[in-house]
Amino acid sequence: MDAFDRKIISALQQDSARSIAVLAESVGLSPSACHRRVRALEESGVVAGYAARIDRVKLGLTLQVFVEISLSSQAREVLDAFEQAVCRFDDILECHLTSGHADYILRVVARDMEDYAAIHRDCLARLPNVASMQTIFTLKPVQQWRGYPIR
């Protein structure tokens, strides 16, 4: 990966909807060279896909929470059962296996506290082998994810 590839990746993270011509101009390449590089980045898996960044608040999802989960055991079958169950619930946006006092951290969004209570009852409480659960409510975003640092 060279400097042009890094510029392309940075530009795509900022706005992947721009045309190849605009992208090429912004990184200092011809459109055909830029297109070849974008295709190569896609084929190699560096660019894994494209998606729009959606404002969750404008969708009515005003509450964002992180849920720390500790399981009753670290046995492989317990971890596997938990991970499979997590993937069945659309309300769980992200799940990360972690080190530290919690085994997993989940990211969940909800319309309001009543909606989160329903998600807690109908989704989180149904996850298998949970020994303890702690919900952390976000008060405000200070810095939101804007893409990976490209150096």
N, C-alpha and C. Protein backbone atom coordinates (compact mmCIF):
# COMPACT_ATOMS: atom_id res chain seq x y z
N MET A 1 0.85 -1.17 0.00
CA MET A 1 0.00 0.00 0.00
C MET A 1 0.89 1.23 0.00
N ASP A 2 0.65 2.11 -0.93
CA ASP A 2 1.47 3.31 -1.04
C ASP A 2 0.67 4.54 -0.62
N ALA A 3 1.26 5.71 -0.81
CA ALA A 3 0.64 6.96 -0.38
C ALA A 3 -0.69 7.22 -1.11
N PHE A 4 -0.78 6.86 -2.39
CA PHE A 4 -2.04 7.06 -3.13
C PHE A 4 -3.15 6.17 -2.55
N ASP A 5 -2.81 4.92 -2.25
CA ASP A 5 -3.81 4.02 -1.66
C ASP A 5 -4.31 4.57 -0.33
N ARG A 6 -3.39 5.09 0.49
CA ARG A 6 -3.78 5.66 1.78
C ARG A 6 -4.68 6.88 1.59
N LYS A 7 -4.36 7.71 0.60
CA LYS A 7 -5.21 8.88 0.31
C LYS A 7 -6.59 8.44 -0.14
N ILE A 8 -6.63 7.41 -0.97
CA ILE A 8 -7.92 6.90 -1.46
C ILE A 8 -8.75 6.37 -0.30
N ILE A 9 -8.14 5.59 0.57
CA ILE A 9 -8.86 5.02 1.71
C ILE A 9 -9.39 6.13 2.62
N SER A 10 -8.55 7.12 2.90
CA SER A 10 -9.00 8.26 3.72
C SER A 10 -10.18 8.97 3.08
N ALA A 11 -10.08 9.22 1.79
CA ALA A 11 -11.15 9.93 1.09
C ALA A 11 -12.43 9.10 1.06
N LEU A 12 -12.32 7.78 0.86
CA LEU A 12 -13.50 6.92 0.85
C LEU A 12 -14.17 6.88 2.22
N GLN A 13 -13.38 6.91 3.28
CA GLN A 13 -13.97 6.92 4.62
C GLN A 13 -14.75 8.20 4.88
N GLN A 14 -14.30 9.30 4.30
CA GLN A 14 -15.00 10.57 4.48
C GLN A 14 -16.27 10.63 3.64
N ASP A 15 -16.21 10.13 2.40
CA ASP A 15 -17.37 10.19 1.51
C ASP A 15 -17.19 9.16 0.40
N SER A 16 -17.81 8.01 0.56
CA SER A 16 -17.65 6.96 -0.45
C SER A 16 -18.64 7.12 -1.61
N ALA A 17 -19.52 8.12 -1.53
CA ALA A 17 -20.51 8.32 -2.59
C ALA A 17 -19.99 9.19 -3.72
N ARG A 18 -18.84 9.83 -3.54
CA ARG A 18 -18.33 10.70 -4.61
C ARG A 18 -17.92 9.88 -5.82
N SER A 19 -17.98 10.49 -6.97
CA SER A 19 -17.64 9.80 -8.21
C SER A 19 -16.14 9.52 -8.26
N ILE A 20 -15.77 8.57 -9.11
CA ILE A 20 -14.35 8.26 -9.31
C ILE A 20 -13.61 9.50 -9.80
N ALA A 21 -14.23 10.29 -10.65
CA ALA A 21 -13.57 11.50 -11.18
C ALA A 21 -13.25 12.47 -10.05
N VAL A 22 -14.19 12.68 -9.15
CA VAL A 22 -13.97 13.60 -8.02
C VAL A 22 -12.95 13.00 -7.05
N LEU A 23 -13.06 11.71 -6.80
CA LEU A 23 -12.09 11.03 -5.93
C LEU A 23 -10.68 11.12 -6.52
N ALA A 24 -10.57 10.86 -7.82
CA ALA A 24 -9.26 10.90 -8.49
C ALA A 24 -8.64 12.29 -8.38
N GLU A 25 -9.44 13.31 -8.60
CA GLU A 25 -8.92 14.67 -8.50
C GLU A 25 -8.46 14.99 -7.08
N SER A 26 -9.21 14.52 -6.10
CA SER A 26 -8.86 14.83 -4.71
C SER A 26 -7.57 14.14 -4.25
N VAL A 27 -7.23 12.99 -4.87
CA VAL A 27 -6.01 12.29 -4.47
C VAL A 27 -4.86 12.47 -5.45
N GLY A 28 -5.11 13.17 -6.56
CA GLY A 28 -4.04 13.47 -7.51
C GLY A 28 -3.73 12.37 -8.49
N LEU A 29 -4.76 11.64 -8.94
CA LEU A 29 -4.58 10.58 -9.94
C LEU A 29 -5.53 10.81 -11.11
N SER A 30 -5.26 10.13 -12.20
CA SER A 30 -6.22 10.12 -13.31
C SER A 30 -7.40 9.25 -12.89
N PRO A 31 -8.57 9.47 -13.47
CA PRO A 31 -9.73 8.64 -13.11
C PRO A 31 -9.49 7.14 -13.35
N SER A 32 -8.84 6.79 -14.45
CA SER A 32 -8.62 5.37 -14.73
C SER A 32 -7.66 4.74 -13.71
N ALA A 33 -6.59 5.45 -13.36
CA ALA A 33 -5.65 4.93 -12.36
C ALA A 33 -6.33 4.82 -11.00
N CYS A 34 -7.13 5.81 -10.66
CA CYS A 34 -7.84 5.80 -9.38
C CYS A 34 -8.84 4.63 -9.34
N HIS A 35 -9.54 4.42 -10.44
CA HIS A 35 -10.51 3.33 -10.51
C HIS A 35 -9.83 1.98 -10.34
N ARG A 36 -8.69 1.79 -10.99
CA ARG A 36 -7.94 0.54 -10.85
C ARG A 36 -7.53 0.31 -9.40
N ARG A 37 -7.06 1.37 -8.75
CA ARG A 37 -6.63 1.24 -7.35
C ARG A 37 -7.81 0.95 -6.42
N VAL A 38 -8.93 1.60 -6.65
CA VAL A 38 -10.12 1.33 -5.84
C VAL A 38 -10.54 -0.13 -6.01
N ARG A 39 -10.57 -0.61 -7.24
CA ARG A 39 -10.93 -2.01 -7.50
C ARG A 39 -9.95 -2.96 -6.81
N ALA A 40 -8.66 -2.65 -6.86
CA ALA A 40 -7.66 -3.50 -6.21
C ALA A 40 -7.86 -3.50 -4.69
N LEU A 41 -8.19 -2.35 -4.12
CA LEU A 41 -8.45 -2.26 -2.67
C LEU A 41 -9.70 -3.07 -2.31
N GLU A 42 -10.71 -3.04 -3.18
CA GLU A 42 -11.92 -3.83 -2.94
C GLU A 42 -11.63 -5.32 -3.05
N GLU A 43 -10.91 -5.71 -4.11
CA GLU A 43 -10.62 -7.13 -4.33
C GLU A 43 -9.73 -7.72 -3.25
N SER A 44 -8.84 -6.90 -2.69
CA SER A 44 -7.96 -7.39 -1.62
C SER A 44 -8.67 -7.44 -0.27
N GLY A 45 -9.85 -6.83 -0.18
CA GLY A 45 -10.60 -6.82 1.07
C GLY A 45 -10.29 -5.65 1.98
N VAL A 46 -9.35 -4.78 1.58
CA VAL A 46 -9.08 -3.58 2.38
C VAL A 46 -10.34 -2.74 2.45
N VAL A 47 -10.99 -2.53 1.31
CA VAL A 47 -12.31 -1.90 1.27
C VAL A 47 -13.31 -3.05 1.29
N ALA A 48 -13.95 -3.23 2.44
CA ALA A 48 -14.82 -4.39 2.65
C ALA A 48 -16.26 -4.13 2.21
N GLY A 49 -16.61 -2.89 1.93
CA GLY A 49 -17.96 -2.57 1.51
C GLY A 49 -18.21 -1.08 1.67
N TYR A 50 -19.42 -0.67 1.34
CA TYR A 50 -19.79 0.74 1.43
C TYR A 50 -21.11 0.84 2.18
N ALA A 51 -21.23 1.89 2.97
CA ALA A 51 -22.47 2.12 3.71
C ALA A 51 -22.62 3.61 3.99
N ALA A 52 -23.85 4.02 4.23
CA ALA A 52 -24.12 5.41 4.58
C ALA A 52 -24.02 5.55 6.11
N ARG A 53 -23.51 6.69 6.57
CA ARG A 53 -23.55 7.00 8.00
C ARG A 53 -24.89 7.64 8.28
N ILE A 54 -25.64 7.03 9.17
CA ILE A 54 -26.99 7.47 9.47
C ILE A 54 -26.99 8.15 10.84
N ASP A 55 -27.70 9.24 10.95
CA ASP A 55 -27.85 9.94 12.23
C ASP A 55 -28.92 9.21 13.04
N ARG A 56 -28.50 8.46 14.07
CA ARG A 56 -29.44 7.66 14.85
C ARG A 56 -30.49 8.50 15.54
N VAL A 57 -30.14 9.72 15.97
CA VAL A 57 -31.09 10.58 16.66
C VAL A 57 -32.22 10.98 15.71
N LYS A 58 -31.87 11.24 14.44
CA LYS A 58 -32.91 11.60 13.46
C LYS A 58 -33.80 10.41 13.13
N LEU A 59 -33.34 9.20 13.45
CA LEU A 59 -34.19 8.01 13.31
C LEU A 59 -35.04 7.78 14.56
N GLY A 60 -34.84 8.64 15.57
CA GLY A 60 -35.59 8.50 16.81
C GLY A 60 -34.90 7.62 17.84
N LEU A 61 -33.67 7.23 17.58
CA LEU A 61 -32.91 6.38 18.51
C LEU A 61 -32.04 7.27 19.40
N THR A 62 -32.66 7.89 20.38
CA THR A 62 -31.99 8.92 21.18
C THR A 62 -31.15 8.36 22.31
N LEU A 63 -31.36 7.11 22.67
CA LEU A 63 -30.66 6.51 23.80
C LEU A 63 -29.61 5.53 23.28
N GLN A 64 -28.37 5.71 23.69
CA GLN A 64 -27.30 4.78 23.34
C GLN A 64 -26.70 4.25 24.63
N VAL A 65 -26.55 2.93 24.70
CA VAL A 65 -26.01 2.32 25.92
C VAL A 65 -24.94 1.29 25.56
N PHE A 66 -24.05 1.11 26.50
CA PHE A 66 -23.09 0.01 26.43
C PHE A 66 -23.42 -0.92 27.58
N VAL A 67 -23.41 -2.21 27.30
CA VAL A 67 -23.78 -3.19 28.31
C VAL A 67 -22.59 -4.11 28.52
N GLU A 68 -22.09 -4.14 29.74
CA GLU A 68 -21.00 -5.05 30.09
C GLU A 68 -21.62 -6.35 30.58
N ILE A 69 -21.17 -7.45 30.00
CA ILE A 69 -21.70 -8.78 30.31
C ILE A 69 -20.58 -9.65 30.85
N SER A 70 -20.83 -10.28 31.99
CA SER A 70 -19.94 -11.32 32.50
C SER A 70 -20.69 -12.63 32.45
N LEU A 71 -20.04 -13.65 31.96
CA LEU A 71 -20.68 -14.96 31.83
C LEU A 71 -20.40 -15.84 33.04
N SER A 72 -21.18 -16.89 33.17
CA SER A 72 -21.05 -17.80 34.30
C SER A 72 -19.83 -18.70 34.18
N SER A 73 -19.27 -18.79 32.97
CA SER A 73 -18.13 -19.68 32.74
C SER A 73 -17.37 -19.19 31.52
N GLN A 74 -16.12 -19.59 31.42
CA GLN A 74 -15.31 -19.27 30.25
C GLN A 74 -15.16 -20.48 29.33
N ALA A 75 -15.96 -21.51 29.55
CA ALA A 75 -15.90 -22.71 28.72
C ALA A 75 -16.27 -22.35 27.28
N ARG A 76 -15.62 -22.99 26.36
CA ARG A 76 -15.82 -22.69 24.94
C ARG A 76 -17.30 -22.78 24.54
N GLU A 77 -17.99 -23.81 25.01
CA GLU A 77 -19.40 -23.97 24.63
C GLU A 77 -20.28 -22.85 25.20
N VAL A 78 -19.89 -22.30 26.34
CA VAL A 78 -20.62 -21.18 26.94
C VAL A 78 -20.39 -19.91 26.10
N LEU A 79 -19.13 -19.65 25.75
CA LEU A 79 -18.82 -18.50 24.90
C LEU A 79 -19.51 -18.61 23.54
N ASP A 80 -19.45 -19.79 22.94
CA ASP A 80 -20.07 -20.00 21.63
C ASP A 80 -21.59 -19.80 21.69
N ALA A 81 -22.23 -20.33 22.72
CA ALA A 81 -23.69 -20.19 22.86
C ALA A 81 -24.07 -18.72 23.01
N PHE A 82 -23.30 -17.99 23.81
CA PHE A 82 -23.58 -16.56 24.01
C PHE A 82 -23.42 -15.81 22.69
N GLU A 83 -22.33 -16.03 21.99
CA GLU A 83 -22.07 -15.31 20.73
C GLU A 83 -23.12 -15.63 19.67
N GLN A 84 -23.55 -16.87 19.60
CA GLN A 84 -24.60 -17.22 18.64
C GLN A 84 -25.91 -16.54 18.99
N ALA A 85 -26.23 -16.47 20.28
CA ALA A 85 -27.47 -15.81 20.71
C ALA A 85 -27.44 -14.32 20.41
N VAL A 86 -26.31 -13.68 20.66
CA VAL A 86 -26.17 -12.24 20.41
C VAL A 86 -26.48 -11.93 18.94
N CYS A 87 -26.01 -12.76 18.05
CA CYS A 87 -26.18 -12.52 16.61
C CYS A 87 -27.63 -12.66 16.16
N ARG A 88 -28.49 -13.22 16.99
CA ARG A 88 -29.90 -13.37 16.62
C ARG A 88 -30.74 -12.12 16.95
N PHE A 89 -30.17 -11.16 17.67
CA PHE A 89 -30.93 -9.99 18.09
C PHE A 89 -30.47 -8.74 17.34
N ASP A 90 -31.36 -8.16 16.55
CA ASP A 90 -31.03 -6.94 15.80
C ASP A 90 -30.80 -5.74 16.70
N ASP A 91 -31.35 -5.77 17.91
CA ASP A 91 -31.19 -4.64 18.83
C ASP A 91 -29.76 -4.51 19.35
N ILE A 92 -28.99 -5.58 19.26
CA ILE A 92 -27.57 -5.53 19.65
C ILE A 92 -26.78 -5.14 18.42
N LEU A 93 -26.28 -3.90 18.41
CA LEU A 93 -25.59 -3.38 17.23
C LEU A 93 -24.17 -3.92 17.12
N GLU A 94 -23.50 -4.03 18.27
CA GLU A 94 -22.13 -4.53 18.30
C GLU A 94 -21.94 -5.38 19.53
N CYS A 95 -21.05 -6.35 19.41
CA CYS A 95 -20.66 -7.18 20.55
C CYS A 95 -19.17 -7.43 20.43
N HIS A 96 -18.45 -7.13 21.52
CA HIS A 96 -17.00 -7.30 21.53
C HIS A 96 -16.60 -8.17 22.71
N LEU A 97 -15.84 -9.22 22.44
CA LEU A 97 -15.21 -10.01 23.49
C LEU A 97 -14.08 -9.17 24.04
N THR A 98 -14.02 -9.01 25.36
CA THR A 98 -13.04 -8.10 25.95
C THR A 98 -12.22 -8.77 27.04
N SER A 99 -11.15 -8.11 27.41
CA SER A 99 -10.40 -8.51 28.59
C SER A 99 -10.80 -7.57 29.71
N GLY A 100 -10.52 -7.93 30.93
CA GLY A 100 -10.89 -7.08 32.06
C GLY A 100 -12.00 -7.72 32.87
N HIS A 101 -12.77 -6.91 33.57
CA HIS A 101 -13.78 -7.47 34.47
C HIS A 101 -15.02 -7.98 33.74
N ALA A 102 -15.31 -7.50 32.55
CA ALA A 102 -16.45 -8.00 31.77
C ALA A 102 -15.94 -8.88 30.64
N ASP A 103 -16.73 -9.87 30.30
CA ASP A 103 -16.35 -10.75 29.18
C ASP A 103 -16.70 -10.13 27.83
N TYR A 104 -17.82 -9.40 27.79
CA TYR A 104 -18.27 -8.79 26.54
C TYR A 104 -18.77 -7.38 26.81
N ILE A 105 -18.68 -6.55 25.77
CA ILE A 105 -19.32 -5.24 25.79
C ILE A 105 -20.22 -5.18 24.57
N LEU A 106 -21.49 -4.82 24.81
CA LEU A 106 -22.47 -4.69 23.75
C LEU A 106 -22.81 -3.22 23.56
N ARG A 107 -23.12 -2.85 22.33
CA ARG A 107 -23.65 -1.50 22.06
C ARG A 107 -25.08 -1.65 21.58
N VAL A 108 -25.97 -0.90 22.22
CA VAL A 108 -27.40 -0.98 21.95
C VAL A 108 -27.93 0.44 21.82
N VAL A 109 -28.87 0.66 20.92
CA VAL A 109 -29.58 1.94 20.85
C VAL A 109 -31.06 1.68 21.02
N ALA A 110 -31.75 2.71 21.54
CA ALA A 110 -33.19 2.61 21.77
C ALA A 110 -33.82 3.98 21.58
N ARG A 111 -35.13 3.99 21.39
CA ARG A 111 -35.84 5.26 21.24
C ARG A 111 -35.82 6.06 22.54
N ASP A 112 -36.03 5.37 23.66
CA ASP A 112 -36.10 6.03 24.96
C ASP A 112 -35.93 4.97 26.05
N MET A 113 -36.10 5.36 27.30
CA MET A 113 -35.90 4.43 28.41
C MET A 113 -36.92 3.29 28.37
N GLU A 114 -38.14 3.58 28.01
CA GLU A 114 -39.16 2.54 27.92
C GLU A 114 -38.79 1.51 26.85
N ASP A 115 -38.31 1.98 25.72
CA ASP A 115 -37.87 1.09 24.65
C ASP A 115 -36.68 0.25 25.11
N TYR A 116 -35.74 0.88 25.82
CA TYR A 116 -34.60 0.11 26.32
C TYR A 116 -35.05 -0.94 27.33
N ALA A 117 -36.01 -0.61 28.17
CA ALA A 117 -36.52 -1.59 29.13
C ALA A 117 -37.09 -2.81 28.40
N ALA A 118 -37.77 -2.58 27.28
CA ALA A 118 -38.30 -3.69 26.48
C ALA A 118 -37.17 -4.50 25.86
N ILE A 119 -36.15 -3.82 25.36
CA ILE A 119 -34.99 -4.52 24.79
C ILE A 119 -34.30 -5.33 25.88
N HIS A 120 -34.17 -4.77 27.06
CA HIS A 120 -33.55 -5.48 28.19
C HIS A 120 -34.34 -6.74 28.51
N ARG A 121 -35.66 -6.61 28.60
CA ARG A 121 -36.53 -7.73 28.97
C ARG A 121 -36.59 -8.78 27.85
N ASP A 122 -36.76 -8.33 26.60
CA ASP A 122 -37.02 -9.26 25.50
C ASP A 122 -35.77 -9.76 24.79
N CYS A 123 -34.65 -9.12 25.02
CA CYS A 123 -33.42 -9.47 24.30
C CYS A 123 -32.29 -9.80 25.27
N LEU A 124 -31.85 -8.80 26.00
CA LEU A 124 -30.67 -8.99 26.86
C LEU A 124 -30.90 -10.04 27.94
N ALA A 125 -32.08 -10.05 28.55
CA ALA A 125 -32.36 -11.02 29.61
C ALA A 125 -32.47 -12.45 29.09
N ARG A 126 -32.57 -12.61 27.78
CA ARG A 126 -32.68 -13.95 27.18
C ARG A 126 -31.32 -14.51 26.76
N LEU A 127 -30.28 -13.74 26.90
CA LEU A 127 -28.95 -14.23 26.52
C LEU A 127 -28.52 -15.32 27.49
N PRO A 128 -27.94 -16.41 26.98
CA PRO A 128 -27.61 -17.54 27.85
C PRO A 128 -26.34 -17.32 28.67
N ASN A 129 -26.33 -17.93 29.85
CA ASN A 129 -25.15 -18.03 30.70
C ASN A 129 -24.64 -16.69 31.23
N VAL A 130 -25.51 -15.71 31.35
CA VAL A 130 -25.11 -14.40 31.86
C VAL A 130 -25.09 -14.45 33.39
N ALA A 131 -23.94 -14.14 33.98
CA ALA A 131 -23.82 -14.08 35.43
C ALA A 131 -24.13 -12.68 35.95
N SER A 132 -23.68 -11.66 35.21
CA SER A 132 -23.98 -10.28 35.59
C SER A 132 -23.99 -9.39 34.36
N MET A 133 -24.74 -8.31 34.51
CA MET A 133 -24.91 -7.36 33.41
C MET A 133 -24.92 -5.96 34.00
N GLN A 134 -24.17 -5.05 33.40
CA GLN A 134 -24.16 -3.66 33.83
C GLN A 134 -24.36 -2.77 32.62
N THR A 135 -25.35 -1.88 32.72
CA THR A 135 -25.65 -0.97 31.63
C THR A 135 -25.02 0.38 31.90
N ILE A 136 -24.34 0.91 30.89
CA ILE A 136 -23.71 2.23 30.98
C ILE A 136 -24.42 3.12 29.96
N PHE A 137 -25.05 4.18 30.44
CA PHE A 137 -25.77 5.10 29.56
C PHE A 137 -24.84 6.21 29.11
N THR A 138 -24.82 6.47 27.82
CA THR A 138 -24.00 7.58 27.32
C THR A 138 -24.78 8.87 27.50
N LEU A 139 -24.09 9.90 27.94
CA LEU A 139 -24.72 11.20 28.15
C LEU A 139 -24.65 12.07 26.91
N LYS A 140 -23.49 12.05 26.24
CA LYS A 140 -23.36 12.76 24.98
C LYS A 140 -22.12 12.24 24.27
N PRO A 141 -22.15 12.25 22.95
CA PRO A 141 -20.93 11.86 22.22
C PRO A 141 -19.92 13.01 22.26
N VAL A 142 -18.70 12.68 22.57
CA VAL A 142 -17.64 13.68 22.59
C VAL A 142 -16.87 13.63 21.27
N GLN A 143 -16.51 12.44 20.87
CA GLN A 143 -15.89 12.24 19.56
C GLN A 143 -16.47 10.97 18.99
N GLN A 144 -17.10 11.08 17.86
CA GLN A 144 -17.69 9.92 17.23
C GLN A 144 -16.74 9.34 16.20
N TRP A 145 -16.94 8.06 15.91
CA TRP A 145 -16.10 7.36 14.96
C TRP A 145 -16.23 7.99 13.58
N ARG A 146 -15.08 8.30 12.98
CA ARG A 146 -15.05 8.92 11.65
C ARG A 146 -14.24 8.09 10.66
N GLY A 147 -13.78 6.95 11.08
CA GLY A 147 -12.97 6.12 10.22
C GLY A 147 -11.66 5.78 10.90
N TYR A 148 -10.96 4.84 10.32
CA TYR A 148 -9.68 4.40 10.87
C TYR A 148 -8.58 5.39 10.54
N PRO A 149 -7.61 5.54 11.42
CA PRO A 149 -6.48 6.42 11.08
C PRO A 149 -5.64 5.76 9.97
N ILE A 150 -5.35 6.52 8.96
CA ILE A 150 -4.56 6.01 7.82
C ILE A 150 -3.22 6.72 7.86
N ARG A 151 -2.19 5.95 8.14
CA ARG A 151 -0.84 6.52 8.25
C ARG A 151 0.06 5.95 7.19
